[in-house]
Amino acid sequence: MGWGERPTRGFAASDSAASGSLRARCRRGLDEDRSAASIARLWAAETGATPNERAEWGGDVVRWGPRMASLGHVIVGLAAGRRLAGEGPGRSLVLAMAGMVTLSLLPDLDVVAFRLGIPYEAPFGHRGASHSLAAAALVGALVALWRPRVGVMAGLVVASHGLLDALTDGGHGVALLWPWDEARLFAPWRPLPVAPIGRGMASARGLAVMATEALWFAPLAIYALWPRRARGGER
């Protein structure tokens, strides 16, 4: 089985189209990590809209955008920083780890698209262009202008974000091949559960997702955090 495309899904609506109680119920659905389809059906049933309709009513909108919890991305960044710093001074290790963690989370800056009214499934929506391999190559090339060795690692770390998101079991796919192909792709094997958003991360479901990621990324975490050899006879 190859990499597959999943149909996009989502909804938007305004306060003028539904009561406060309906909005509250949908928000509870978000916190409880209910599926986008079930929340869209609830909204559609009580407003007369179709589940995928993006109504032009204006005002505040409710959106659903499941994602991979950030723990795995952070661990990838820590491991990459450890690899770059090697057995160098402690300060270089801290700087390398901080820089790589920042790059590992960089693609998720596209969540600003929600505030700008850009649909999730649009090319520049969440998990869109910023999660592509082309974007990762661009970041790596820019960093390589400063330090070539760091640039290669930077590109790999940014690329890992989209590839890992493609291993999750929900939400939209990832536009890995943008700009040549805007299809949202998932890997044929998706062992990582999507994380609830907002307060849902503090729920039992959210904690279970974090524990699952901790298990999957444990080898990288051990590598990143394992005590380094003493330098100059000192610990």
Protein backbone atom coordinates (compact mmCIF):
# COMPACT_ATOMS: atom_id res chain seq x y z
CA MET A 1 0.00 0.00 0.00
CA GLY A 2 1.39 3.39 -0.93
CA TRP A 3 1.01 6.84 0.48
CA GLY A 4 -2.63 7.86 0.34
CA GLU A 5 -4.68 11.01 0.08
CA ARG A 6 -7.51 11.63 2.51
CA PRO A 7 -10.44 13.92 1.66
CA THR A 8 -10.30 17.25 3.40
CA ARG A 9 -12.93 18.14 5.91
CA GLY A 10 -13.84 21.08 8.07
CA PHE A 11 -16.47 23.66 8.83
CA ALA A 12 -17.00 27.25 9.86
CA ALA A 13 -19.94 29.17 11.21
CA SER A 14 -20.75 32.43 12.93
CA ASP A 15 -22.46 33.44 16.12
CA SER A 16 -25.34 34.85 14.12
CA ALA A 17 -26.10 31.38 12.76
CA ALA A 18 -26.22 29.36 15.95
CA SER A 19 -26.98 29.74 19.61
CA GLY A 20 -24.42 30.09 22.35
CA SER A 21 -25.35 26.65 23.65
CA LEU A 22 -24.57 25.06 20.29
CA ARG A 23 -21.23 26.84 20.17
CA ALA A 24 -20.47 25.63 23.68
CA ARG A 25 -21.34 22.06 22.75
CA CYS A 26 -19.05 22.19 19.70
CA ARG A 27 -16.23 23.59 21.79
CA ARG A 28 -16.72 20.79 24.29
CA GLY A 29 -16.43 18.43 21.36
CA LEU A 30 -13.09 19.98 20.44
CA ASP A 31 -11.79 19.60 23.99
CA GLU A 32 -12.98 15.99 24.09
CA ASP A 33 -11.28 15.28 20.74
CA ARG A 34 -14.47 14.33 18.95
CA SER A 35 -14.05 13.82 15.23
CA ALA A 36 -14.40 16.71 12.83
CA ALA A 37 -17.19 14.87 11.05
CA SER A 38 -19.27 14.41 14.20
CA ILE A 39 -18.95 18.07 15.19
CA ALA A 40 -19.76 19.17 11.64
CA ARG A 41 -22.88 16.97 11.64
CA LEU A 42 -24.02 18.53 14.91
CA TRP A 43 -23.56 22.03 13.52
CA ALA A 44 -25.23 21.15 10.23
CA ALA A 45 -28.23 19.51 11.89
CA GLU A 46 -29.03 22.61 13.92
CA THR A 47 -28.17 25.32 11.40
CA GLY A 48 -29.25 23.74 8.13
CA ALA A 49 -25.72 23.99 6.71
CA THR A 50 -23.97 21.12 4.98
CA PRO A 51 -21.10 19.58 6.96
CA ASN A 52 -18.40 20.98 4.66
CA GLU A 53 -19.99 24.34 4.04
CA ARG A 54 -17.85 27.37 4.71
CA ALA A 55 -20.57 29.92 5.36
CA GLU A 56 -19.84 33.54 4.53
CA TRP A 57 -21.54 34.85 7.65
CA GLY A 58 -18.47 36.53 9.16
CA GLY A 59 -17.69 36.79 12.84
CA ASP A 60 -15.84 34.38 15.05
CA VAL A 61 -15.48 30.84 13.70
CA VAL A 62 -15.09 27.42 15.21
CA ARG A 63 -12.51 25.21 13.52
CA TRP A 64 -11.17 21.73 14.09
CA GLY A 65 -7.52 20.92 13.42
CA PRO A 66 -6.11 17.79 15.02
CA ARG A 67 -2.36 17.54 15.12
CA MET A 68 0.47 15.47 16.41
CA ALA A 69 1.39 16.34 20.00
CA SER A 70 4.60 18.37 20.08
CA LEU A 71 6.55 15.97 22.31
CA GLY A 72 7.84 13.86 19.42
CA HIS A 73 8.91 16.91 17.43
CA VAL A 74 10.74 18.31 20.45
CA ILE A 75 12.58 15.03 21.02
CA VAL A 76 13.69 14.97 17.38
CA GLY A 77 15.10 18.48 17.84
CA LEU A 78 16.91 17.51 21.04
CA ALA A 79 18.49 14.48 19.38
CA ALA A 80 19.57 16.53 16.37
CA GLY A 81 21.12 19.13 18.67
CA ARG A 82 22.98 16.44 20.56
CA ARG A 83 24.34 15.08 17.28
CA LEU A 84 25.51 18.51 16.15
CA ALA A 85 27.16 19.44 19.46
CA GLY A 86 28.85 16.08 19.93
CA GLU A 87 31.13 16.24 22.96
CA GLY A 88 31.64 19.99 22.70
CA PRO A 89 31.24 22.46 25.58
CA GLY A 90 27.97 22.42 27.48
CA ARG A 91 27.01 25.82 26.12
CA SER A 92 27.27 24.58 22.55
CA LEU A 93 24.99 21.65 23.43
CA VAL A 94 22.32 23.94 24.89
CA LEU A 95 22.45 26.26 21.89
CA ALA A 96 22.37 23.39 19.38
CA MET A 97 19.41 21.74 21.12
CA ALA A 98 17.48 25.00 21.42
CA GLY A 99 18.05 25.78 17.76
CA MET A 100 17.05 22.34 16.51
CA VAL A 101 13.94 22.20 18.71
CA THR A 102 12.89 25.57 17.30
CA LEU A 103 13.33 24.26 13.76
CA SER A 104 11.48 21.03 14.56
CA LEU A 105 8.42 23.07 15.58
CA LEU A 106 8.78 25.70 12.85
CA PRO A 107 6.24 24.19 10.38
CA ASP A 108 3.43 24.57 12.93
CA LEU A 109 3.68 28.35 12.70
CA ASP A 110 1.12 27.85 9.95
CA VAL A 111 -1.59 27.74 12.64
CA VAL A 112 -1.69 31.51 12.14
CA ALA A 113 -3.67 30.63 9.02
CA PHE A 114 -6.72 29.99 11.21
CA ARG A 115 -6.57 33.58 12.48
CA LEU A 116 -6.22 34.86 8.93
CA GLY A 117 -9.26 32.95 7.74
CA ILE A 118 -7.29 30.56 5.54
CA PRO A 119 -9.07 27.17 5.33
CA TYR A 120 -7.30 24.19 6.81
CA GLU A 121 -7.25 22.39 3.45
CA ALA A 122 -5.87 25.37 1.49
CA PRO A 123 -2.26 25.20 0.22
CA PHE A 124 -1.16 27.59 2.97
CA GLY A 125 -3.47 26.14 5.62
CA HIS A 126 -2.33 23.96 8.50
CA ARG A 127 -0.20 21.00 7.38
CA GLY A 128 0.11 22.66 4.00
CA ALA A 129 3.11 24.33 2.34
CA SER A 130 5.06 24.83 5.56
CA HIS A 131 5.05 21.06 6.12
CA SER A 132 6.37 20.25 2.63
CA LEU A 133 9.75 18.80 1.76
CA ALA A 134 10.37 21.84 -0.43
CA ALA A 135 9.96 24.17 2.55
CA ALA A 136 12.36 22.01 4.55
CA ALA A 137 14.93 22.16 1.75
CA LEU A 138 14.57 25.95 1.61
CA VAL A 139 15.16 26.30 5.35
CA GLY A 140 18.16 24.01 5.14
CA ALA A 141 19.61 26.01 2.25
CA LEU A 142 19.20 29.28 4.13
CA VAL A 143 20.88 27.88 7.23
CA ALA A 144 23.67 26.43 5.05
CA LEU A 145 24.55 29.94 3.94
CA TRP A 146 25.63 30.44 7.54
CA ARG A 147 27.00 26.98 8.30
CA PRO A 148 26.83 24.20 5.68
CA ARG A 149 27.01 21.33 8.19
CA VAL A 150 24.24 22.81 10.28
CA GLY A 151 22.18 23.47 7.15
CA VAL A 152 21.96 19.78 6.29
CA MET A 153 20.75 18.92 9.79
CA ALA A 154 18.33 21.85 9.78
CA GLY A 155 16.73 20.66 6.56
CA LEU A 156 16.36 17.13 7.88
CA VAL A 157 14.81 18.31 11.14
CA VAL A 158 12.24 20.52 9.40
CA ALA A 159 11.44 17.71 6.95
CA SER A 160 10.88 15.31 9.85
CA HIS A 161 7.92 17.40 11.03
CA GLY A 162 5.76 16.79 7.98
CA LEU A 163 6.84 13.16 7.71
CA LEU A 164 5.90 12.51 11.33
CA ASP A 165 2.55 14.27 10.93
CA ALA A 166 1.84 11.92 8.03
CA LEU A 167 2.12 9.04 10.52
CA THR A 168 -0.81 10.30 12.62
CA ASP A 169 -4.20 8.65 12.52
CA GLY A 170 -6.50 11.62 11.97
CA GLY A 171 -7.05 15.10 10.63
CA HIS A 172 -6.02 16.23 7.16
CA GLY A 173 -3.05 14.78 5.38
CA VAL A 174 0.22 16.61 4.80
CA ALA A 175 1.13 18.53 1.62
CA LEU A 176 4.56 16.89 1.45
CA LEU A 177 4.96 17.41 -2.30
CA TRP A 178 3.89 21.06 -2.47
CA PRO A 179 4.32 23.06 -4.74
CA TRP A 180 4.33 20.28 -7.36
CA ASP A 181 1.32 18.52 -5.88
CA GLU A 182 -1.12 19.99 -3.35
CA ALA A 183 -2.58 16.60 -2.38
CA ARG A 184 -2.71 15.94 1.37
CA LEU A 185 -0.92 12.67 2.05
CA PHE A 186 -0.83 10.12 4.83
CA ALA A 187 1.63 7.27 5.25
CA PRO A 188 0.20 3.76 4.75
CA TRP A 189 1.07 3.01 8.41
CA ARG A 190 -0.14 5.55 10.98
CA PRO A 191 0.79 4.49 14.53
CA LEU A 192 0.72 7.96 16.13
CA PRO A 193 -2.61 9.19 17.56
CA VAL A 194 -3.60 12.78 16.85
CA ALA A 195 -3.64 15.02 19.89
CA PRO A 196 -6.66 16.90 21.21
CA ILE A 197 -6.40 20.66 20.92
CA GLY A 198 -6.62 23.32 23.59
CA ARG A 199 -7.66 22.17 27.06
CA GLY A 200 -8.17 18.69 25.67
CA MET A 201 -4.44 18.03 26.10
CA ALA A 202 -5.03 17.92 29.88
CA SER A 203 -7.72 15.25 29.47
CA ALA A 204 -7.22 11.52 29.84
CA ARG A 205 -7.14 11.27 26.05
CA GLY A 206 -4.47 13.98 25.81
CA LEU A 207 -2.30 12.35 28.46
CA ALA A 208 -2.63 8.99 26.72
CA VAL A 209 -1.46 10.57 23.45
CA MET A 210 1.57 12.09 25.20
CA ALA A 211 2.42 8.74 26.79
CA THR A 212 2.18 7.00 23.42
CA GLU A 213 4.56 9.51 21.83
CA ALA A 214 6.95 9.19 24.77
CA LEU A 215 7.14 5.45 24.14
CA TRP A 216 7.66 5.76 20.38
CA PHE A 217 10.37 8.40 20.74
CA ALA A 218 12.05 6.94 23.84
CA PRO A 219 15.19 5.77 21.97
CA LEU A 220 15.80 9.27 20.59
CA ALA A 221 15.10 10.82 23.99
CA ILE A 222 17.61 8.50 25.65
CA TYR A 223 20.23 9.37 23.05
CA ALA A 224 19.58 13.10 23.42
CA LEU A 225 19.62 13.19 27.23
CA TRP A 226 22.18 10.51 28.04
CA PRO A 227 25.00 12.05 30.16
CA ARG A 228 27.99 12.98 28.07
CA ARG A 229 31.49 11.71 28.74
CA ALA A 230 33.48 13.73 31.26
CA ARG A 231 35.95 16.16 29.69
CA GLY A 232 39.43 16.62 31.09
CA GLY A 233 38.88 14.18 33.91
CA GLU A 234 35.90 16.16 35.24
CA ARG A 235 32.27 15.11 35.35
